[in-house]
């Protein structure tokens, strides 16, 4: 199977409004997962759909500068009135926006959107606390490792995006917030527990796949922790110890979590990463778990294949 087939799968989930449903059999519209999925398309040269998603996001900002989840029903978007998070959504928006501008040179879009970009940044910064970490939501005052790893990436992306259009105030705000968030992530690591807190000061139960075991991948995936460090190697060994066949989806979770195959790639474990793509084809893409094959995991499949160098367009 090629990367091209999964690009086509993601594109098949685009809706007339410009955004994407989560899967071919899933009516949910989740801006966070869509932003992540479209990063892989931008990397593959499919940029128009990213622009459409970015415009959709900007057009769906509420007065508080956050975006909700929607459901596609009878040809219409139905606002659910809620979002899974308020920190990761804007963070991944900035990641996608920077990727789009870098790939296309469309600085005019960013400049023309600068007022809303500032609003999105302000909403994200409103969640940041004194320790540099962000709450998941104003109504859910929990500091998740996964979210904050995405937040620090998004803030550094925002710095570059604002800088590229001469908005030095926004660039400075984003960089300073990113540095505080990075320090906060460092503080979540415990030498005694030999792990990062999953959230607040709750450390992982390694027998629990999500969010405990999976969360430990994110410092590496976000670039906050060097893959060759003793800490990263120790965390990955513990994953394998407790989930020795995670690449065959023997985790107790119906969802594939292809990001864990990306972690395997980054850690140099090409065998497990390659086997995960094979297992995904058998169980999800062409198998009984297809309803659980969503666009963000199709993107993860693309990333793994690209990192392994085995895909042919």
C-alpha atoms as a PDB file:
ATOM      1  CA  UNK A   1       0.000   0.000   0.000  1.00  0.00           C
ATOM      2  CA  UNK A   2       1.258   3.467  -0.845  1.00  0.00           C
ATOM      3  CA  UNK A   3       1.119   6.850   0.789  1.00  0.00           C
ATOM      4  CA  UNK A   4      -1.083   7.982  -2.084  1.00  0.00           C
ATOM      5  CA  UNK A   5      -3.963   5.752  -0.982  1.00  0.00           C
ATOM      6  CA  UNK A   6      -4.023   7.312   2.471  1.00  0.00           C
ATOM      7  CA  UNK A   7      -3.788  10.829   1.073  1.00  0.00           C
ATOM      8  CA  UNK A   8      -6.848   9.943  -1.009  1.00  0.00           C
ATOM      9  CA  UNK A   9      -8.596   8.577   2.084  1.00  0.00           C
ATOM     10  CA  UNK A  10      -8.056  11.802   4.028  1.00  0.00           C
ATOM     11  CA  UNK A  11      -9.198  13.917   1.070  1.00  0.00           C
ATOM     12  CA  UNK A  12     -12.332  11.769   0.718  1.00  0.00           C
ATOM     13  CA  UNK A  13     -13.360  12.961   4.185  1.00  0.00           C
ATOM     14  CA  UNK A  14     -13.425  16.639   3.216  1.00  0.00           C
ATOM     15  CA  UNK A  15     -16.816  18.307   3.489  1.00  0.00           C
ATOM     16  CA  UNK A  16     -18.309  21.046   1.275  1.00  0.00           C
ATOM     17  CA  UNK A  17     -17.636  23.603   4.025  1.00  0.00           C
ATOM     18  CA  UNK A  18     -13.878  22.998   3.734  1.00  0.00           C
ATOM     19  CA  UNK A  19     -13.286  21.080   6.939  1.00  0.00           C
ATOM     20  CA  UNK A  20     -13.128  17.295   7.352  1.00  0.00           C
ATOM     21  CA  UNK A  21     -15.125  14.580   9.027  1.00  0.00           C
ATOM     22  CA  UNK A  22     -13.010  12.289  11.204  1.00  0.00           C
ATOM     23  CA  UNK A  23     -13.473   9.221   9.030  1.00  0.00           C
ATOM     24  CA  UNK A  24     -15.385   7.787   6.125  1.00  0.00           C
ATOM     25  CA  UNK A  25     -17.922   6.327   8.575  1.00  0.00           C
ATOM     26  CA  UNK A  26     -17.658   9.072  11.197  1.00  0.00           C
ATOM     27  CA  UNK A  27     -19.757  12.234  11.155  1.00  0.00           C
ATOM     28  CA  UNK A  28     -17.739  14.051  13.817  1.00  0.00           C
ATOM     29  CA  UNK A  29     -15.793  17.209  12.971  1.00  0.00           C
ATOM     30  CA  UNK A  30     -12.857  17.664  15.323  1.00  0.00           C
ATOM     31  CA  UNK A  31     -10.573  20.646  14.496  1.00  0.00           C
ATOM     32  CA  UNK A  32      -7.688  19.229  16.545  1.00  0.00           C
ATOM     33  CA  UNK A  33      -7.468  15.898  14.734  1.00  0.00           C
ATOM     34  CA  UNK A  34      -8.099  17.609  11.398  1.00  0.00           C
ATOM     35  CA  UNK A  35      -5.210  20.017  11.922  1.00  0.00           C
ATOM     36  CA  UNK A  36      -2.905  17.091  12.705  1.00  0.00           C
ATOM     37  CA  UNK A  37      -4.112  15.064   9.736  1.00  0.00           C
ATOM     38  CA  UNK A  38      -3.580  17.876   7.256  1.00  0.00           C
ATOM     39  CA  UNK A  39       0.028  18.380   8.289  1.00  0.00           C
ATOM     40  CA  UNK A  40       0.816  15.190   6.408  1.00  0.00           C
ATOM     41  CA  UNK A  41      -1.013  16.443   3.323  1.00  0.00           C
ATOM     42  CA  UNK A  42       0.920  19.713   3.289  1.00  0.00           C
ATOM     43  CA  UNK A  43       4.136  17.703   3.485  1.00  0.00           C
ATOM     44  CA  UNK A  44       2.881  15.726   0.468  1.00  0.00           C
ATOM     45  CA  UNK A  45       2.136  18.886  -1.542  1.00  0.00           C
ATOM     46  CA  UNK A  46      -1.634  18.984  -0.940  1.00  0.00           C
ATOM     47  CA  UNK A  47      -1.931  22.557   0.309  1.00  0.00           C
ATOM     48  CA  UNK A  48      -5.307  23.792  -0.906  1.00  0.00           C
ATOM     49  CA  UNK A  49      -7.181  21.635   1.583  1.00  0.00           C
ATOM     50  CA  UNK A  50      -5.034  23.004   4.409  1.00  0.00           C
ATOM     51  CA  UNK A  51      -5.936  26.578   3.410  1.00  0.00           C
ATOM     52  CA  UNK A  52      -9.612  25.595   3.395  1.00  0.00           C
ATOM     53  CA  UNK A  53      -9.310  24.074   6.871  1.00  0.00           C
ATOM     54  CA  UNK A  54      -7.475  27.129   8.196  1.00  0.00           C
ATOM     55  CA  UNK A  55     -10.161  29.424   6.799  1.00  0.00           C
ATOM     56  CA  UNK A  56     -12.848  27.181   8.285  1.00  0.00           C
ATOM     57  CA  UNK A  57     -11.173  27.421  11.684  1.00  0.00           C
ATOM     58  CA  UNK A  58     -10.928  31.207  11.505  1.00  0.00           C
ATOM     59  CA  UNK A  59     -14.555  31.387  10.423  1.00  0.00           C
ATOM     60  CA  UNK A  60     -15.712  29.296  13.372  1.00  0.00           C
ATOM     61  CA  UNK A  61     -14.022  31.260  16.151  1.00  0.00           C
ATOM     62  CA  UNK A  62     -16.474  32.082  18.900  1.00  0.00           C
ATOM     63  CA  UNK A  63     -16.355  35.363  20.809  1.00  0.00           C
ATOM     64  CA  UNK A  64     -13.985  33.759  23.327  1.00  0.00           C
ATOM     65  CA  UNK A  65     -11.554  32.883  20.479  1.00  0.00           C
ATOM     66  CA  UNK A  66     -11.996  29.108  20.829  1.00  0.00           C
ATOM     67  CA  UNK A  67     -13.504  26.620  18.363  1.00  0.00           C
ATOM     68  CA  UNK A  68     -15.997  23.849  19.119  1.00  0.00           C
ATOM     69  CA  UNK A  69     -16.475  20.377  17.712  1.00  0.00           C
ATOM     70  CA  UNK A  70     -19.255  19.876  15.162  1.00  0.00           C
ATOM     71  CA  UNK A  71     -21.246  16.992  13.695  1.00  0.00           C
ATOM     72  CA  UNK A  72     -22.115  16.666  10.016  1.00  0.00           C
ATOM     73  CA  UNK A  73     -25.821  15.936   9.837  1.00  0.00           C
ATOM     74  CA  UNK A  74     -28.222  16.208   6.896  1.00  0.00           C
ATOM     75  CA  UNK A  75     -25.710  18.256   4.936  1.00  0.00           C
ATOM     76  CA  UNK A  76     -25.154  20.757   7.729  1.00  0.00           C
ATOM     77  CA  UNK A  77     -22.631  21.427  10.488  1.00  0.00           C
ATOM     78  CA  UNK A  78     -24.207  21.107  13.910  1.00  0.00           C
ATOM     79  CA  UNK A  79     -22.322  22.856  16.716  1.00  0.00           C
ATOM     80  CA  UNK A  80     -21.912  20.504  19.693  1.00  0.00           C
ATOM     81  CA  UNK A  81     -21.320  23.461  22.005  1.00  0.00           C
ATOM     82  CA  UNK A  82     -18.115  21.928  23.356  1.00  0.00           C
ATOM     83  CA  UNK A  83     -14.542  20.989  22.506  1.00  0.00           C
ATOM     84  CA  UNK A  84     -12.283  18.261  23.790  1.00  0.00           C
ATOM     85  CA  UNK A  85      -9.641  20.852  24.654  1.00  0.00           C
ATOM     86  CA  UNK A  86      -8.973  24.560  24.365  1.00  0.00           C
ATOM     87  CA  UNK A  87      -5.187  24.366  24.442  1.00  0.00           C
ATOM     88  CA  UNK A  88      -4.348  21.740  21.801  1.00  0.00           C
ATOM     89  CA  UNK A  89      -6.840  23.058  19.239  1.00  0.00           C
ATOM     90  CA  UNK A  90      -5.151  26.471  18.786  1.00  0.00           C
ATOM     91  CA  UNK A  91      -1.708  24.894  19.181  1.00  0.00           C
ATOM     92  CA  UNK A  92      -2.267  22.517  16.254  1.00  0.00           C
ATOM     93  CA  UNK A  93      -3.870  25.346  14.285  1.00  0.00           C
ATOM     94  CA  UNK A  94      -0.604  27.279  14.495  1.00  0.00           C
ATOM     95  CA  UNK A  95       1.348  24.174  13.463  1.00  0.00           C
ATOM     96  CA  UNK A  96      -0.809  23.776  10.367  1.00  0.00           C
ATOM     97  CA  UNK A  97      -0.784  27.492   9.583  1.00  0.00           C
ATOM     98  CA  UNK A  98       3.011  27.646   9.657  1.00  0.00           C
ATOM     99  CA  UNK A  99       3.318  24.478   7.570  1.00  0.00           C
ATOM    100  CA  UNK A 100       0.936  25.943   4.994  1.00  0.00           C
ATOM    101  CA  UNK A 101       2.731  29.298   4.783  1.00  0.00           C
ATOM    102  CA  UNK A 102       6.156  27.645   4.629  1.00  0.00           C
ATOM    103  CA  UNK A 103       5.003  25.327   1.826  1.00  0.00           C
ATOM    104  CA  UNK A 104       3.195  27.934  -0.269  1.00  0.00           C
ATOM    105  CA  UNK A 105       4.822  31.251   0.558  1.00  0.00           C
ATOM    106  CA  UNK A 106       1.311  32.627   1.118  1.00  0.00           C
ATOM    107  CA  UNK A 107       2.369  35.279   3.597  1.00  0.00           C
ATOM    108  CA  UNK A 108      -0.534  37.440   2.420  1.00  0.00           C
ATOM    109  CA  UNK A 109      -3.009  34.986   3.958  1.00  0.00           C
ATOM    110  CA  UNK A 110      -1.237  35.183   7.316  1.00  0.00           C
ATOM    111  CA  UNK A 111      -1.000  38.989   7.196  1.00  0.00           C
ATOM    112  CA  UNK A 112      -4.655  39.388   6.272  1.00  0.00           C
ATOM    113  CA  UNK A 113      -5.589  36.982   9.086  1.00  0.00           C
ATOM    114  CA  UNK A 114      -3.369  38.613  11.702  1.00  0.00           C
ATOM    115  CA  UNK A 115      -6.225  40.016  13.830  1.00  0.00           C
ATOM    116  CA  UNK A 116      -7.714  36.551  14.289  1.00  0.00           C
ATOM    117  CA  UNK A 117      -4.259  35.039  14.764  1.00  0.00           C
ATOM    118  CA  UNK A 118      -3.767  37.382  17.714  1.00  0.00           C
ATOM    119  CA  UNK A 119      -7.144  36.341  19.085  1.00  0.00           C
ATOM    120  CA  UNK A 120      -6.203  32.671  18.870  1.00  0.00           C
ATOM    121  CA  UNK A 121      -2.864  33.334  20.551  1.00  0.00           C
ATOM    122  CA  UNK A 122      -4.572  35.303  23.326  1.00  0.00           C
ATOM    123  CA  UNK A 123      -6.986  32.444  23.937  1.00  0.00           C
ATOM    124  CA  UNK A 124      -4.113  29.992  24.237  1.00  0.00           C
ATOM    125  CA  UNK A 125      -2.101  32.261  26.545  1.00  0.00           C
ATOM    126  CA  UNK A 126      -5.153  32.733  28.782  1.00  0.00           C
ATOM    127  CA  UNK A 127      -4.856  29.046  29.683  1.00  0.00           C
ATOM    128  CA  UNK A 128      -1.180  29.261  30.662  1.00  0.00           C
ATOM    129  CA  UNK A 129      -0.435  29.206  34.383  1.00  0.00           C
ATOM    130  CA  UNK A 130       2.500  30.443  36.484  1.00  0.00           C
ATOM    131  CA  UNK A 131       4.395  27.169  36.022  1.00  0.00           C
ATOM    132  CA  UNK A 132       4.220  27.611  32.242  1.00  0.00           C
ATOM    133  CA  UNK A 133       1.735  24.782  31.704  1.00  0.00           C
ATOM    134  CA  UNK A 134      -1.713  25.187  30.201  1.00  0.00           C
ATOM    135  CA  UNK A 135      -5.042  23.994  31.455  1.00  0.00           C
ATOM    136  CA  UNK A 136      -6.861  21.767  28.996  1.00  0.00           C
ATOM    137  CA  UNK A 137      -9.904  24.032  29.207  1.00  0.00           C
ATOM    138  CA  UNK A 138     -11.159  26.886  31.319  1.00  0.00           C
ATOM    139  CA  UNK A 139     -13.743  24.478  32.668  1.00  0.00           C
ATOM    140  CA  UNK A 140     -11.231  21.616  33.040  1.00  0.00           C
ATOM    141  CA  UNK A 141      -8.255  22.907  34.984  1.00  0.00           C
ATOM    142  CA  UNK A 142      -5.939  19.974  34.357  1.00  0.00           C
ATOM    143  CA  UNK A 143      -2.422  20.247  32.917  1.00  0.00           C
ATOM    144  CA  UNK A 144      -1.900  17.317  30.559  1.00  0.00           C
ATOM    145  CA  UNK A 145       1.528  16.261  29.338  1.00  0.00           C
ATOM    146  CA  UNK A 146       0.227  15.491  25.838  1.00  0.00           C
ATOM    147  CA  UNK A 147      -1.513  18.833  25.486  1.00  0.00           C
ATOM    148  CA  UNK A 148       1.441  20.835  26.721  1.00  0.00           C
ATOM    149  CA  UNK A 149       3.851  19.092  24.373  1.00  0.00           C
ATOM    150  CA  UNK A 150       1.574  20.172  21.527  1.00  0.00           C
ATOM    151  CA  UNK A 151       1.228  23.644  23.028  1.00  0.00           C
ATOM    152  CA  UNK A 152       4.973  24.248  23.100  1.00  0.00           C
ATOM    153  CA  UNK A 153       5.225  23.167  19.461  1.00  0.00           C
ATOM    154  CA  UNK A 154       2.303  25.392  18.525  1.00  0.00           C
ATOM    155  CA  UNK A 155       3.724  28.402  20.329  1.00  0.00           C
ATOM    156  CA  UNK A 156       7.080  28.075  18.579  1.00  0.00           C
ATOM    157  CA  UNK A 157       5.187  27.776  15.294  1.00  0.00           C
ATOM    158  CA  UNK A 158       3.215  30.915  16.194  1.00  0.00           C
ATOM    159  CA  UNK A 159       6.481  32.742  16.874  1.00  0.00           C
ATOM    160  CA  UNK A 160       7.720  31.920  13.371  1.00  0.00           C
ATOM    161  CA  UNK A 161       4.374  32.718  11.779  1.00  0.00           C
ATOM    162  CA  UNK A 162       4.072  36.141  13.411  1.00  0.00           C
ATOM    163  CA  UNK A 163       7.725  36.862  12.706  1.00  0.00           C
ATOM    164  CA  UNK A 164       7.289  36.019   9.027  1.00  0.00           C
ATOM    165  CA  UNK A 165       4.704  38.778   8.625  1.00  0.00           C
ATOM    166  CA  UNK A 166       6.550  41.357  10.693  1.00  0.00           C
ATOM    167  CA  UNK A 167       4.327  41.063  13.767  1.00  0.00           C
ATOM    168  CA  UNK A 168       7.141  41.152  16.291  1.00  0.00           C
ATOM    169  CA  UNK A 169       4.859  41.671  19.277  1.00  0.00           C
ATOM    170  CA  UNK A 170       3.050  38.410  18.569  1.00  0.00           C
ATOM    171  CA  UNK A 171       6.324  36.605  17.883  1.00  0.00           C
ATOM    172  CA  UNK A 172       7.769  37.736  21.216  1.00  0.00           C
ATOM    173  CA  UNK A 173       4.643  36.783  23.146  1.00  0.00           C
ATOM    174  CA  UNK A 174       4.609  33.327  21.575  1.00  0.00           C
ATOM    175  CA  UNK A 175       8.319  32.687  22.127  1.00  0.00           C
ATOM    176  CA  UNK A 176       8.258  33.737  25.767  1.00  0.00           C
ATOM    177  CA  UNK A 177       5.184  31.585  26.404  1.00  0.00           C
ATOM    178  CA  UNK A 178       6.822  28.648  24.602  1.00  0.00           C
ATOM    179  CA  UNK A 179       9.921  28.893  26.769  1.00  0.00           C
ATOM    180  CA  UNK A 180       7.801  28.924  29.927  1.00  0.00           C
ATOM    181  CA  UNK A 181       5.832  25.934  28.698  1.00  0.00           C
ATOM    182  CA  UNK A 182       9.031  24.017  27.894  1.00  0.00           C
ATOM    183  CA  UNK A 183      10.274  24.658  31.437  1.00  0.00           C
ATOM    184  CA  UNK A 184       6.935  23.433  32.747  1.00  0.00           C
ATOM    185  CA  UNK A 185       7.202  20.206  30.764  1.00  0.00           C
ATOM    186  CA  UNK A 186      10.684  19.632  32.180  1.00  0.00           C
ATOM    187  CA  UNK A 187       9.233  20.012  35.674  1.00  0.00           C
ATOM    188  CA  UNK A 188       6.748  17.211  34.993  1.00  0.00           C
ATOM    189  CA  UNK A 189       9.559  14.652  34.918  1.00  0.00           C
ATOM    190  CA  UNK A 190      10.292  12.758  38.120  1.00  0.00           C
ATOM    191  CA  UNK A 191      13.612  10.977  38.561  1.00  0.00           C
ATOM    192  CA  UNK A 192      12.077   8.912  41.349  1.00  0.00           C
ATOM    193  CA  UNK A 193       9.223   7.705  39.107  1.00  0.00           C
ATOM    194  CA  UNK A 194      11.474   7.668  36.024  1.00  0.00           C
ATOM    195  CA  UNK A 195       8.573   9.090  34.050  1.00  0.00           C
ATOM    196  CA  UNK A 196       6.677  12.246  33.227  1.00  0.00           C
ATOM    197  CA  UNK A 197       3.446  13.064  34.983  1.00  0.00           C
ATOM    198  CA  UNK A 198       0.514  12.178  32.754  1.00  0.00           C
ATOM    199  CA  UNK A 199      -1.251  15.226  34.151  1.00  0.00           C
ATOM    200  CA  UNK A 200      -0.583  17.467  37.139  1.00  0.00           C
ATOM    201  CA  UNK A 201       1.325  15.152  39.537  1.00  0.00           C
ATOM    202  CA  UNK A 202      -0.334  11.913  38.413  1.00  0.00           C
ATOM    203  CA  UNK A 203       2.318   9.523  37.136  1.00  0.00           C
ATOM    204  CA  UNK A 204       1.670   6.684  34.704  1.00  0.00           C
ATOM    205  CA  UNK A 205       0.268   3.309  35.495  1.00  0.00           C
ATOM    206  CA  UNK A 206       2.260   1.482  32.847  1.00  0.00           C
ATOM    207  CA  UNK A 207      -0.404  -1.198  32.498  1.00  0.00           C
ATOM    208  CA  UNK A 208      -2.872   1.431  31.278  1.00  0.00           C
ATOM    209  CA  UNK A 209      -2.473   2.232  27.577  1.00  0.00           C
ATOM    210  CA  UNK A 210      -4.271   5.590  27.363  1.00  0.00           C
ATOM    211  CA  UNK A 211      -3.485   8.148  28.551  1.00  0.00           C
ATOM    212  CA  UNK A 212      -0.765   6.766  30.805  1.00  0.00           C
ATOM    213  CA  UNK A 213       1.623   4.811  28.576  1.00  0.00           C
ATOM    214  CA  UNK A 214       0.865   6.767  25.403  1.00  0.00           C
ATOM    215  CA  UNK A 215       1.550  10.116  27.060  1.00  0.00           C
ATOM    216  CA  UNK A 216       5.223   9.256  27.562  1.00  0.00           C
ATOM    217  CA  UNK A 217       5.833   9.405  23.810  1.00  0.00           C
ATOM    218  CA  UNK A 218       4.964  13.067  23.499  1.00  0.00           C
ATOM    219  CA  UNK A 219       8.078  14.723  24.937  1.00  0.00           C
ATOM    220  CA  UNK A 220      10.058  12.919  22.219  1.00  0.00           C
ATOM    221  CA  UNK A 221       7.505  13.448  19.438  1.00  0.00           C
ATOM    222  CA  UNK A 222       7.347  17.163  20.246  1.00  0.00           C
ATOM    223  CA  UNK A 223      11.120  17.565  20.272  1.00  0.00           C
ATOM    224  CA  UNK A 224      11.207  18.457  23.956  1.00  0.00           C
ATOM    225  CA  UNK A 225      13.247  15.316  24.740  1.00  0.00           C
ATOM    226  CA  UNK A 226      16.106  13.973  22.649  1.00  0.00           C
ATOM    227  CA  UNK A 227      15.359  10.468  21.357  1.00  0.00           C
ATOM    228  CA  UNK A 228      18.901   9.360  22.151  1.00  0.00           C
ATOM    229  CA  UNK A 229      18.767  10.454  25.771  1.00  0.00           C
ATOM    230  CA  UNK A 230      18.796   7.962  28.628  1.00  0.00           C
ATOM    231  CA  UNK A 231      15.352   9.158  29.689  1.00  0.00           C
ATOM    232  CA  UNK A 232      13.822   8.595  26.238  1.00  0.00           C
ATOM    233  CA  UNK A 233      15.394   5.156  25.928  1.00  0.00           C
ATOM    234  CA  UNK A 234      14.156   4.193  29.389  1.00  0.00           C
ATOM    235  CA  UNK A 235      10.607   5.334  28.636  1.00  0.00           C
ATOM    236  CA  UNK A 236      10.516   3.401  25.372  1.00  0.00           C
ATOM    237  CA  UNK A 237      11.847   0.243  27.030  1.00  0.00           C
ATOM    238  CA  UNK A 238       9.105   0.476  29.628  1.00  0.00           C
ATOM    239  CA  UNK A 239       6.497   0.789  26.894  1.00  0.00           C
ATOM    240  CA  UNK A 240       7.765  -2.411  25.283  1.00  0.00           C
ATOM    241  CA  UNK A 241       7.950  -4.161  28.646  1.00  0.00           C
ATOM    242  CA  UNK A 242       4.264  -3.540  29.348  1.00  0.00           C
ATOM    243  CA  UNK A 243       2.944  -3.641  25.774  1.00  0.00           C
ATOM    244  CA  UNK A 244       5.331  -5.995  23.937  1.00  0.00           C
ATOM    245  CA  UNK A 245       2.992  -6.264  20.934  1.00  0.00           C
ATOM    246  CA  UNK A 246       1.673  -2.717  20.723  1.00  0.00           C
ATOM    247  CA  UNK A 247       2.636  -2.665  17.048  1.00  0.00           C
ATOM    248  CA  UNK A 248      -0.020  -5.359  16.503  1.00  0.00           C
ATOM    249  CA  UNK A 249      -2.523  -3.264  18.453  1.00  0.00           C
ATOM    250  CA  UNK A 250      -2.639  -5.564  21.467  1.00  0.00           C
ATOM    251  CA  UNK A 251      -3.259  -2.655  23.809  1.00  0.00           C
ATOM    252  CA  UNK A 252      -6.873  -3.037  24.908  1.00  0.00           C
ATOM    253  CA  UNK A 253      -7.804   0.017  22.839  1.00  0.00           C
ATOM    254  CA  UNK A 254      -9.910  -0.123  19.669  1.00  0.00           C
ATOM    255  CA  UNK A 255      -8.146   2.905  18.226  1.00  0.00           C
ATOM    256  CA  UNK A 256      -4.809   2.350  16.461  1.00  0.00           C
ATOM    257  CA  UNK A 257      -2.686   5.164  17.939  1.00  0.00           C
ATOM    258  CA  UNK A 258      -0.346   5.342  14.952  1.00  0.00           C
ATOM    259  CA  UNK A 259       1.563   8.067  16.802  1.00  0.00           C
ATOM    260  CA  UNK A 260       3.138   5.251  18.795  1.00  0.00           C
ATOM    261  CA  UNK A 261       4.531   3.849  15.564  1.00  0.00           C
ATOM    262  CA  UNK A 262       5.956   7.294  14.913  1.00  0.00           C
ATOM    263  CA  UNK A 263       7.622   7.091  18.332  1.00  0.00           C
ATOM    264  CA  UNK A 264       9.093   3.728  17.355  1.00  0.00           C
ATOM    265  CA  UNK A 265      10.499   5.316  14.194  1.00  0.00           C
ATOM    266  CA  UNK A 266      12.049   8.211  16.078  1.00  0.00           C
ATOM    267  CA  UNK A 267      13.577   5.765  18.560  1.00  0.00           C
ATOM    268  CA  UNK A 268      15.167   3.816  15.696  1.00  0.00           C
ATOM    269  CA  UNK A 269      12.889   0.795  16.095  1.00  0.00           C
ATOM    270  CA  UNK A 270      12.182   0.381  12.392  1.00  0.00           C
ATOM    271  CA  UNK A 271      11.028  -3.234  12.741  1.00  0.00           C
ATOM    272  CA  UNK A 272       8.135  -2.417  15.069  1.00  0.00           C
ATOM    273  CA  UNK A 273       7.218   0.671  13.065  1.00  0.00           C
ATOM    274  CA  UNK A 274       7.074  -1.308   9.818  1.00  0.00           C
ATOM    275  CA  UNK A 275       5.045  -4.080  11.436  1.00  0.00           C
ATOM    276  CA  UNK A 276       2.592  -1.498  12.712  1.00  0.00           C
ATOM    277  CA  UNK A 277       1.855  -0.337   9.162  1.00  0.00           C
ATOM    278  CA  UNK A 278       1.290  -3.952   8.096  1.00  0.00           C
ATOM    279  CA  UNK A 279      -1.011  -4.561  11.039  1.00  0.00           C
ATOM    280  CA  UNK A 280      -2.883  -1.335  10.274  1.00  0.00           C
ATOM    281  CA  UNK A 281      -3.520  -2.483   6.723  1.00  0.00           C
ATOM    282  CA  UNK A 282      -4.835  -5.862   7.889  1.00  0.00           C
ATOM    283  CA  UNK A 283      -6.910  -4.744  10.849  1.00  0.00           C
ATOM    284  CA  UNK A 284      -7.977  -1.177  10.064  1.00  0.00           C
ATOM    285  CA  UNK A 285      -7.567  -0.092   6.461  1.00  0.00           C
ATOM    286  CA  UNK A 286      -8.921  -3.331   4.976  1.00  0.00           C
ATOM    287  CA  UNK A 287     -10.039  -5.092   8.118  1.00  0.00           C
ATOM    288  CA  UNK A 288     -12.766  -5.346  10.743  1.00  0.00           C
ATOM    289  CA  UNK A 289     -11.664  -2.267  12.657  1.00  0.00           C
ATOM    290  CA  UNK A 290     -12.091   0.105   9.711  1.00  0.00           C
ATOM    291  CA  UNK A 291     -14.701   2.250  11.543  1.00  0.00           C
ATOM    292  CA  UNK A 292     -11.907   3.199  13.952  1.00  0.00           C
ATOM    293  CA  UNK A 293      -9.510   4.261  11.174  1.00  0.00           C
ATOM    294  CA  UNK A 294      -9.639   8.043  11.378  1.00  0.00           C
ATOM    295  CA  UNK A 295      -7.868  10.762   9.432  1.00  0.00           C
ATOM    296  CA  UNK A 296      -5.211  11.464  12.070  1.00  0.00           C
ATOM    297  CA  UNK A 297      -4.146   7.818  12.001  1.00  0.00           C
ATOM    298  CA  UNK A 298      -4.047   7.800   8.212  1.00  0.00           C
ATOM    299  CA  UNK A 299      -1.659  10.743   8.623  1.00  0.00           C
ATOM    300  CA  UNK A 300       0.371   8.740  11.148  1.00  0.00           C
ATOM    301  CA  UNK A 301       0.591   5.887   8.650  1.00  0.00           C
ATOM    302  CA  UNK A 302       1.910   8.350   6.060  1.00  0.00           C
ATOM    303  CA  UNK A 303       4.504   9.710   8.491  1.00  0.00           C
ATOM    304  CA  UNK A 304       5.730   6.241   9.427  1.00  0.00           C
ATOM    305  CA  UNK A 305       6.021   5.141   5.807  1.00  0.00           C
ATOM    306  CA  UNK A 306       7.868   8.343   4.951  1.00  0.00           C
ATOM    307  CA  UNK A 307      10.290   8.006   7.869  1.00  0.00           C
ATOM    308  CA  UNK A 308      10.961   4.390   6.974  1.00  0.00           C
ATOM    309  CA  UNK A 309      11.525   5.338   3.347  1.00  0.00           C
ATOM    310  CA  UNK A 310       9.459   2.404   2.101  1.00  0.00           C
ATOM    311  CA  UNK A 311       6.550   4.265   0.542  1.00  0.00           C
ATOM    312  CA  UNK A 312       6.280   5.036  -3.136  1.00  0.00           C
ATOM    313  CA  UNK A 313       4.004   7.769  -4.398  1.00  0.00           C
END
